[in-house]
Amino acid sequence: MLKHILLISAILGATLATPVAEPESATDLEKRCTPPGQFCNRGVPCCSGAYCGTNGLCSRCIPPGQFCTGGVPCCSGAYCGTNGLCSSCIPPGQFCNRGVPCCSGAYCGNNGLCSRCIPRGQFCNRGVPCCAGSWCGTNGLCS
């Protein structure tokens, strides 16, 4: 009986002496992420502020043609369009002057929207035609 009591005491003592695992800190969790430029298809998520691109690499920005969600910005020279994709140009009807050009065949009008034609009184010869019923005059304005 004394053997059993000593054995139980030894087990309880070892259990109580075992340290309790501390919760992981934010820096420990950050160490278990994939940094930008590294392959991200190995079961370890990209680090905070990055996303896993279709090329299999973590990136700090989303290139044109990819969905722009999750708090990661579009790459320089692109914006997140109303279709949810990063785009390297702004289509007609969307607000311009964001550091991203209007798409080919459109220009940024005085109303702040990309347009397929230039209204009367605006400079022409930008590779975009004057709006219907007007032409590019000798003074360089759509008339």
N, C-alpha and C. Protein backbone atom coordinates (compact mmCIF):
# COMPACT_ATOMS: atom_id res chain seq x y z
N MET A 1 0.81 -1.17 0.00
CA MET A 1 0.00 0.00 0.00
C MET A 1 0.86 1.25 0.00
N LEU A 2 1.94 1.18 0.77
CA LEU A 2 2.85 2.32 0.85
C LEU A 2 3.46 2.59 -0.51
N LYS A 3 3.71 1.52 -1.29
CA LYS A 3 4.26 1.71 -2.64
C LYS A 3 3.28 2.49 -3.50
N HIS A 4 2.01 2.16 -3.39
CA HIS A 4 0.99 2.84 -4.21
C HIS A 4 0.87 4.32 -3.83
N ILE A 5 0.95 4.61 -2.56
CA ILE A 5 0.86 6.00 -2.11
C ILE A 5 2.06 6.78 -2.62
N LEU A 6 3.25 6.20 -2.54
CA LEU A 6 4.46 6.87 -3.03
C LEU A 6 4.40 7.07 -4.55
N LEU A 7 3.88 6.07 -5.24
CA LEU A 7 3.76 6.17 -6.69
C LEU A 7 2.79 7.29 -7.08
N ILE A 8 1.65 7.35 -6.43
CA ILE A 8 0.65 8.39 -6.70
C ILE A 8 1.23 9.75 -6.35
N SER A 9 1.95 9.86 -5.25
CA SER A 9 2.57 11.13 -4.85
C SER A 9 3.58 11.58 -5.90
N ALA A 10 4.35 10.66 -6.44
CA ALA A 10 5.36 10.98 -7.45
C ALA A 10 4.69 11.47 -8.73
N ILE A 11 3.61 10.82 -9.12
CA ILE A 11 2.89 11.22 -10.35
C ILE A 11 2.28 12.61 -10.16
N LEU A 12 1.62 12.83 -9.03
CA LEU A 12 1.02 14.14 -8.76
C LEU A 12 2.10 15.23 -8.70
N GLY A 13 3.21 14.93 -8.09
CA GLY A 13 4.30 15.92 -8.00
C GLY A 13 4.84 16.27 -9.36
N ALA A 14 4.99 15.28 -10.23
CA ALA A 14 5.50 15.54 -11.58
C ALA A 14 4.49 16.34 -12.39
N THR A 15 3.22 16.06 -12.22
CA THR A 15 2.17 16.77 -12.95
C THR A 15 2.11 18.23 -12.51
N LEU A 16 2.18 18.46 -11.22
CA LEU A 16 2.12 19.83 -10.71
C LEU A 16 3.38 20.62 -11.05
N ALA A 17 4.50 19.95 -11.20
CA ALA A 17 5.77 20.64 -11.50
C ALA A 17 5.90 20.97 -12.99
N THR A 18 5.06 20.36 -13.84
CA THR A 18 5.14 20.62 -15.28
C THR A 18 4.65 22.04 -15.56
N PRO A 19 5.48 22.87 -16.21
CA PRO A 19 5.06 24.25 -16.47
C PRO A 19 3.90 24.30 -17.48
N VAL A 20 3.04 25.27 -17.30
CA VAL A 20 1.91 25.48 -18.20
C VAL A 20 2.42 26.27 -19.40
N ALA A 21 2.05 25.85 -20.60
CA ALA A 21 2.49 26.54 -21.82
C ALA A 21 1.89 27.94 -21.87
N GLU A 22 2.73 28.91 -22.14
CA GLU A 22 2.29 30.29 -22.28
C GLU A 22 1.62 30.47 -23.63
N PRO A 23 0.62 31.32 -23.72
CA PRO A 23 0.01 31.57 -25.04
C PRO A 23 1.02 32.23 -25.97
N GLU A 24 0.88 31.95 -27.26
CA GLU A 24 1.81 32.52 -28.23
C GLU A 24 1.58 34.02 -28.37
N SER A 25 2.68 34.76 -28.44
CA SER A 25 2.57 36.21 -28.63
C SER A 25 2.38 36.51 -30.11
N ALA A 26 2.05 37.75 -30.40
CA ALA A 26 1.86 38.17 -31.80
C ALA A 26 3.14 37.99 -32.59
N THR A 27 4.29 38.20 -31.94
CA THR A 27 5.55 38.04 -32.68
C THR A 27 5.82 36.58 -33.00
N ASP A 28 5.40 35.66 -32.10
CA ASP A 28 5.56 34.24 -32.39
C ASP A 28 4.68 33.83 -33.56
N LEU A 29 3.45 34.35 -33.59
CA LEU A 29 2.56 34.02 -34.70
C LEU A 29 3.09 34.61 -36.00
N GLU A 30 3.65 35.82 -35.94
CA GLU A 30 4.18 36.48 -37.14
C GLU A 30 5.36 35.70 -37.70
N LYS A 31 6.11 34.99 -36.84
CA LYS A 31 7.24 34.19 -37.30
C LYS A 31 6.77 33.00 -38.13
N ARG A 32 5.49 32.61 -37.95
CA ARG A 32 4.96 31.47 -38.68
C ARG A 32 4.13 31.94 -39.86
N CYS A 33 4.64 32.91 -40.60
CA CYS A 33 3.97 33.38 -41.80
C CYS A 33 5.00 33.47 -42.92
N THR A 34 4.52 33.53 -44.13
CA THR A 34 5.41 33.58 -45.28
C THR A 34 5.61 35.04 -45.70
N PRO A 35 6.86 35.52 -45.74
CA PRO A 35 7.12 36.91 -46.12
C PRO A 35 6.95 37.14 -47.62
N PRO A 36 6.74 38.40 -48.02
CA PRO A 36 6.63 38.72 -49.45
C PRO A 36 7.82 38.19 -50.24
N GLY A 37 7.54 37.69 -51.44
CA GLY A 37 8.59 37.16 -52.30
C GLY A 37 8.84 35.67 -52.13
N GLN A 38 8.24 35.07 -51.11
CA GLN A 38 8.42 33.64 -50.86
C GLN A 38 7.18 32.87 -51.31
N PHE A 39 7.34 31.58 -51.59
CA PHE A 39 6.21 30.76 -52.01
C PHE A 39 5.20 30.62 -50.88
N CYS A 40 3.93 30.75 -51.21
CA CYS A 40 2.88 30.76 -50.19
C CYS A 40 1.93 29.59 -50.30
N ASN A 41 2.24 28.60 -51.06
CA ASN A 41 1.32 27.48 -51.23
C ASN A 41 1.77 26.28 -50.42
N ARG A 42 2.38 26.53 -49.27
CA ARG A 42 2.89 25.43 -48.45
C ARG A 42 2.14 25.30 -47.13
N GLY A 43 0.95 25.86 -47.04
CA GLY A 43 0.15 25.73 -45.83
C GLY A 43 0.41 26.78 -44.78
N VAL A 44 1.38 27.67 -44.99
CA VAL A 44 1.66 28.76 -44.05
C VAL A 44 1.17 30.04 -44.70
N PRO A 45 0.29 30.80 -44.04
CA PRO A 45 -0.27 32.01 -44.66
C PRO A 45 0.78 33.09 -44.89
N CYS A 46 0.46 34.00 -45.79
CA CYS A 46 1.32 35.16 -46.00
C CYS A 46 1.26 36.03 -44.75
N CYS A 47 2.34 36.79 -44.51
CA CYS A 47 2.39 37.68 -43.36
C CYS A 47 1.34 38.79 -43.49
N SER A 48 1.06 39.42 -42.41
CA SER A 48 0.08 40.50 -42.36
C SER A 48 0.39 41.56 -43.42
N GLY A 49 -0.63 42.01 -44.15
CA GLY A 49 -0.45 43.03 -45.18
C GLY A 49 -0.02 42.47 -46.52
N ALA A 50 0.00 41.16 -46.66
CA ALA A 50 0.39 40.54 -47.93
C ALA A 50 -0.69 39.54 -48.33
N TYR A 51 -0.66 39.13 -49.59
CA TYR A 51 -1.62 38.14 -50.06
C TYR A 51 -0.87 37.14 -50.94
N CYS A 52 -1.47 35.98 -51.14
CA CYS A 52 -0.87 34.94 -51.96
C CYS A 52 -1.36 35.10 -53.39
N GLY A 53 -0.47 35.50 -54.28
CA GLY A 53 -0.82 35.74 -55.68
C GLY A 53 -0.99 34.47 -56.48
N THR A 54 -1.54 34.61 -57.67
CA THR A 54 -1.74 33.45 -58.54
C THR A 54 -0.42 32.85 -59.00
N ASN A 55 0.68 33.62 -58.85
CA ASN A 55 2.00 33.08 -59.19
C ASN A 55 2.58 32.26 -58.05
N GLY A 56 1.83 32.14 -56.93
CA GLY A 56 2.29 31.34 -55.80
C GLY A 56 3.23 32.05 -54.86
N LEU A 57 3.39 33.38 -55.02
CA LEU A 57 4.28 34.14 -54.15
C LEU A 57 3.49 35.13 -53.32
N CYS A 58 3.93 35.35 -52.07
CA CYS A 58 3.32 36.37 -51.23
C CYS A 58 3.75 37.74 -51.76
N SER A 59 2.83 38.69 -51.75
CA SER A 59 3.10 40.03 -52.27
C SER A 59 2.44 41.07 -51.40
N ARG A 60 3.04 42.26 -51.31
CA ARG A 60 2.47 43.38 -50.53
C ARG A 60 1.47 44.20 -51.34
N CYS A 61 1.33 43.90 -52.64
CA CYS A 61 0.34 44.61 -53.45
C CYS A 61 -0.26 43.63 -54.45
N ILE A 62 -1.44 43.99 -54.95
CA ILE A 62 -2.17 43.12 -55.88
C ILE A 62 -2.01 43.67 -57.29
N PRO A 63 -1.54 42.85 -58.23
CA PRO A 63 -1.33 43.33 -59.60
C PRO A 63 -2.65 43.44 -60.38
N PRO A 64 -2.63 44.21 -61.47
CA PRO A 64 -3.84 44.33 -62.31
C PRO A 64 -4.36 42.95 -62.73
N GLY A 65 -5.70 42.83 -62.75
CA GLY A 65 -6.33 41.59 -63.16
C GLY A 65 -6.67 40.66 -62.02
N GLN A 66 -6.19 40.97 -60.80
CA GLN A 66 -6.47 40.13 -59.63
C GLN A 66 -7.52 40.81 -58.76
N PHE A 67 -8.26 40.03 -57.99
CA PHE A 67 -9.27 40.58 -57.09
C PHE A 67 -8.62 41.42 -56.00
N CYS A 68 -9.17 42.60 -55.74
CA CYS A 68 -8.62 43.52 -54.75
C CYS A 68 -9.46 43.51 -53.49
N THR A 69 -9.21 42.52 -52.66
CA THR A 69 -9.93 42.38 -51.40
C THR A 69 -8.94 42.07 -50.29
N GLY A 70 -9.39 42.15 -49.07
CA GLY A 70 -8.56 41.73 -47.94
C GLY A 70 -7.63 42.79 -47.39
N GLY A 71 -7.80 44.03 -47.75
CA GLY A 71 -6.98 45.09 -47.17
C GLY A 71 -5.59 45.23 -47.77
N VAL A 72 -5.27 44.49 -48.81
CA VAL A 72 -3.99 44.62 -49.49
C VAL A 72 -4.21 45.54 -50.69
N PRO A 73 -3.40 46.61 -50.83
CA PRO A 73 -3.64 47.57 -51.92
C PRO A 73 -3.24 47.03 -53.29
N CYS A 74 -3.82 47.65 -54.32
CA CYS A 74 -3.38 47.36 -55.69
C CYS A 74 -1.96 47.91 -55.83
N CYS A 75 -1.18 47.33 -56.72
CA CYS A 75 0.19 47.80 -56.95
C CYS A 75 0.17 49.22 -57.51
N SER A 76 1.29 49.89 -57.40
CA SER A 76 1.44 51.25 -57.89
C SER A 76 1.02 51.34 -59.35
N GLY A 77 0.25 52.38 -59.68
CA GLY A 77 -0.22 52.55 -61.05
C GLY A 77 -1.51 51.80 -61.34
N ALA A 78 -2.12 51.22 -60.32
CA ALA A 78 -3.38 50.50 -60.49
C ALA A 78 -4.36 50.95 -59.41
N TYR A 79 -5.63 50.66 -59.63
CA TYR A 79 -6.66 50.99 -58.64
C TYR A 79 -7.66 49.86 -58.59
N CYS A 80 -8.45 49.83 -57.51
CA CYS A 80 -9.47 48.79 -57.36
C CYS A 80 -10.75 49.25 -58.04
N GLY A 81 -11.11 48.63 -59.13
CA GLY A 81 -12.28 49.02 -59.91
C GLY A 81 -13.59 48.56 -59.28
N THR A 82 -14.68 49.07 -59.82
CA THR A 82 -16.00 48.71 -59.31
C THR A 82 -16.31 47.24 -59.55
N ASN A 83 -15.55 46.58 -60.44
CA ASN A 83 -15.74 45.15 -60.68
C ASN A 83 -14.97 44.30 -59.68
N GLY A 84 -14.26 44.94 -58.73
CA GLY A 84 -13.52 44.20 -57.71
C GLY A 84 -12.16 43.73 -58.14
N LEU A 85 -11.68 44.19 -59.30
CA LEU A 85 -10.36 43.80 -59.80
C LEU A 85 -9.43 45.01 -59.82
N CYS A 86 -8.14 44.77 -59.56
CA CYS A 86 -7.16 45.84 -59.73
C CYS A 86 -7.00 46.07 -61.22
N SER A 87 -6.93 47.33 -61.60
CA SER A 87 -6.85 47.68 -63.02
C SER A 87 -5.77 48.73 -63.24
N SER A 88 -5.10 48.67 -64.39
CA SER A 88 -4.05 49.63 -64.71
C SER A 88 -4.60 50.84 -65.46
N CYS A 89 -5.91 50.86 -65.71
CA CYS A 89 -6.54 52.03 -66.33
C CYS A 89 -7.98 52.14 -65.84
N ILE A 90 -8.51 53.36 -65.91
CA ILE A 90 -9.87 53.63 -65.44
C ILE A 90 -10.81 53.66 -66.63
N PRO A 91 -11.87 52.86 -66.62
CA PRO A 91 -12.80 52.81 -67.75
C PRO A 91 -13.71 54.05 -67.80
N PRO A 92 -14.29 54.32 -68.96
CA PRO A 92 -15.22 55.44 -69.09
C PRO A 92 -16.35 55.35 -68.06
N GLY A 93 -16.73 56.52 -67.53
CA GLY A 93 -17.81 56.58 -66.55
C GLY A 93 -17.34 56.51 -65.11
N GLN A 94 -16.06 56.19 -64.88
CA GLN A 94 -15.52 56.11 -63.53
C GLN A 94 -14.71 57.37 -63.22
N PHE A 95 -14.60 57.70 -61.94
CA PHE A 95 -13.83 58.88 -61.54
C PHE A 95 -12.36 58.71 -61.86
N CYS A 96 -11.74 59.77 -62.37
CA CYS A 96 -10.32 59.73 -62.72
C CYS A 96 -9.52 60.64 -61.76
N ASN A 97 -8.32 60.99 -62.15
CA ASN A 97 -7.41 61.80 -61.33
C ASN A 97 -6.99 61.08 -60.05
N ARG A 98 -6.73 59.79 -60.14
CA ARG A 98 -6.27 58.99 -58.99
C ARG A 98 -4.83 58.53 -59.19
N GLY A 99 -4.14 59.09 -60.15
CA GLY A 99 -2.79 58.63 -60.45
C GLY A 99 -2.79 57.44 -61.38
N VAL A 100 -3.96 57.09 -61.90
CA VAL A 100 -4.11 55.99 -62.85
C VAL A 100 -4.77 56.57 -64.09
N PRO A 101 -4.23 56.31 -65.28
CA PRO A 101 -4.80 56.91 -66.49
C PRO A 101 -6.14 56.29 -66.88
N CYS A 102 -6.90 57.05 -67.67
CA CYS A 102 -8.12 56.50 -68.27
C CYS A 102 -7.68 55.44 -69.28
N CYS A 103 -8.53 54.47 -69.53
CA CYS A 103 -8.22 53.42 -70.51
C CYS A 103 -8.07 54.03 -71.91
N SER A 104 -7.42 53.31 -72.78
CA SER A 104 -7.20 53.75 -74.15
C SER A 104 -8.52 54.16 -74.80
N GLY A 105 -8.50 55.30 -75.48
CA GLY A 105 -9.70 55.78 -76.14
C GLY A 105 -10.58 56.63 -75.24
N ALA A 106 -10.11 56.94 -74.05
CA ALA A 106 -10.88 57.78 -73.12
C ALA A 106 -9.94 58.84 -72.53
N TYR A 107 -10.53 59.88 -71.98
CA TYR A 107 -9.72 60.93 -71.34
C TYR A 107 -10.42 61.37 -70.06
N CYS A 108 -9.69 62.04 -69.18
CA CYS A 108 -10.24 62.51 -67.91
C CYS A 108 -10.84 63.90 -68.13
N GLY A 109 -12.16 63.99 -68.11
CA GLY A 109 -12.86 65.24 -68.38
C GLY A 109 -12.90 66.19 -67.20
N ASN A 110 -13.37 67.40 -67.47
CA ASN A 110 -13.50 68.42 -66.41
C ASN A 110 -14.46 68.00 -65.31
N ASN A 111 -15.35 67.07 -65.61
CA ASN A 111 -16.31 66.59 -64.60
C ASN A 111 -15.70 65.51 -63.71
N GLY A 112 -14.42 65.18 -63.94
CA GLY A 112 -13.74 64.19 -63.12
C GLY A 112 -14.03 62.75 -63.49
N LEU A 113 -14.65 62.54 -64.65
CA LEU A 113 -14.95 61.18 -65.11
C LEU A 113 -14.18 60.88 -66.39
N CYS A 114 -13.77 59.63 -66.55
CA CYS A 114 -13.19 59.21 -67.83
C CYS A 114 -14.32 59.16 -68.85
N SER A 115 -14.03 59.67 -70.06
CA SER A 115 -15.06 59.76 -71.10
C SER A 115 -14.50 59.28 -72.43
N ARG A 116 -15.38 58.72 -73.29
CA ARG A 116 -14.98 58.24 -74.62
C ARG A 116 -14.96 59.36 -75.66
N CYS A 117 -15.51 60.52 -75.33
CA CYS A 117 -15.49 61.63 -76.28
C CYS A 117 -15.24 62.94 -75.53
N ILE A 118 -14.71 63.91 -76.26
CA ILE A 118 -14.38 65.21 -75.67
C ILE A 118 -15.52 66.19 -75.98
N PRO A 119 -16.10 66.82 -74.96
CA PRO A 119 -17.21 67.74 -75.20
C PRO A 119 -16.74 69.07 -75.80
N ARG A 120 -17.68 69.81 -76.33
CA ARG A 120 -17.38 71.14 -76.91
C ARG A 120 -16.67 72.02 -75.89
N GLY A 121 -15.71 72.79 -76.42
CA GLY A 121 -14.98 73.72 -75.58
C GLY A 121 -13.75 73.14 -74.92
N GLN A 122 -13.54 71.83 -75.03
CA GLN A 122 -12.36 71.18 -74.44
C GLN A 122 -11.32 70.93 -75.53
N PHE A 123 -10.04 70.89 -75.12
CA PHE A 123 -8.98 70.63 -76.08
C PHE A 123 -9.12 69.24 -76.68
N CYS A 124 -8.88 69.15 -77.98
CA CYS A 124 -8.98 67.87 -78.67
C CYS A 124 -7.58 67.39 -79.07
N ASN A 125 -7.51 66.45 -79.98
CA ASN A 125 -6.26 65.85 -80.44
C ASN A 125 -5.54 65.11 -79.33
N ARG A 126 -6.27 64.38 -78.51
CA ARG A 126 -5.69 63.56 -77.44
C ARG A 126 -5.85 62.08 -77.76
N GLY A 127 -6.20 61.77 -79.00
CA GLY A 127 -6.46 60.39 -79.35
C GLY A 127 -7.88 59.98 -78.99
N VAL A 128 -8.69 60.96 -78.61
CA VAL A 128 -10.09 60.72 -78.26
C VAL A 128 -10.91 61.66 -79.13
N PRO A 129 -11.96 61.17 -79.78
CA PRO A 129 -12.74 62.03 -80.67
C PRO A 129 -13.60 63.04 -79.91
N CYS A 130 -13.96 64.11 -80.61
CA CYS A 130 -14.95 65.05 -80.07
C CYS A 130 -16.29 64.32 -80.00
N CYS A 131 -17.14 64.73 -79.09
CA CYS A 131 -18.46 64.09 -78.95
C CYS A 131 -19.29 64.33 -80.22
N ALA A 132 -20.29 63.50 -80.41
CA ALA A 132 -21.15 63.56 -81.60
C ALA A 132 -21.67 64.98 -81.81
N GLY A 133 -21.62 65.42 -83.08
CA GLY A 133 -22.11 66.74 -83.43
C GLY A 133 -21.05 67.83 -83.31
N SER A 134 -19.84 67.49 -82.91
CA SER A 134 -18.77 68.49 -82.83
C SER A 134 -17.52 67.95 -83.51
N TRP A 135 -16.56 68.82 -83.74
CA TRP A 135 -15.32 68.47 -84.42
C TRP A 135 -14.19 69.24 -83.78
N CYS A 136 -12.97 68.85 -84.14
CA CYS A 136 -11.79 69.51 -83.60
C CYS A 136 -11.47 70.72 -84.49
N GLY A 137 -11.65 71.91 -83.94
CA GLY A 137 -11.45 73.14 -84.69
C GLY A 137 -9.98 73.51 -84.83
N THR A 138 -9.71 74.52 -85.63
CA THR A 138 -8.33 74.98 -85.85
C THR A 138 -7.73 75.56 -84.59
N ASN A 139 -8.57 75.97 -83.65
CA ASN A 139 -8.06 76.50 -82.38
C ASN A 139 -7.70 75.39 -81.39
N GLY A 140 -7.88 74.12 -81.79
CA GLY A 140 -7.54 73.00 -80.93
C GLY A 140 -8.63 72.61 -79.95
N LEU A 141 -9.81 73.20 -80.12
CA LEU A 141 -10.94 72.88 -79.23
C LEU A 141 -12.03 72.16 -80.01
N CYS A 142 -12.74 71.29 -79.30
CA CYS A 142 -13.90 70.66 -79.94
C CYS A 142 -14.97 71.74 -80.09
N SER A 143 -15.51 71.87 -81.31
CA SER A 143 -16.51 72.90 -81.59
C SER A 143 -17.81 72.26 -82.03
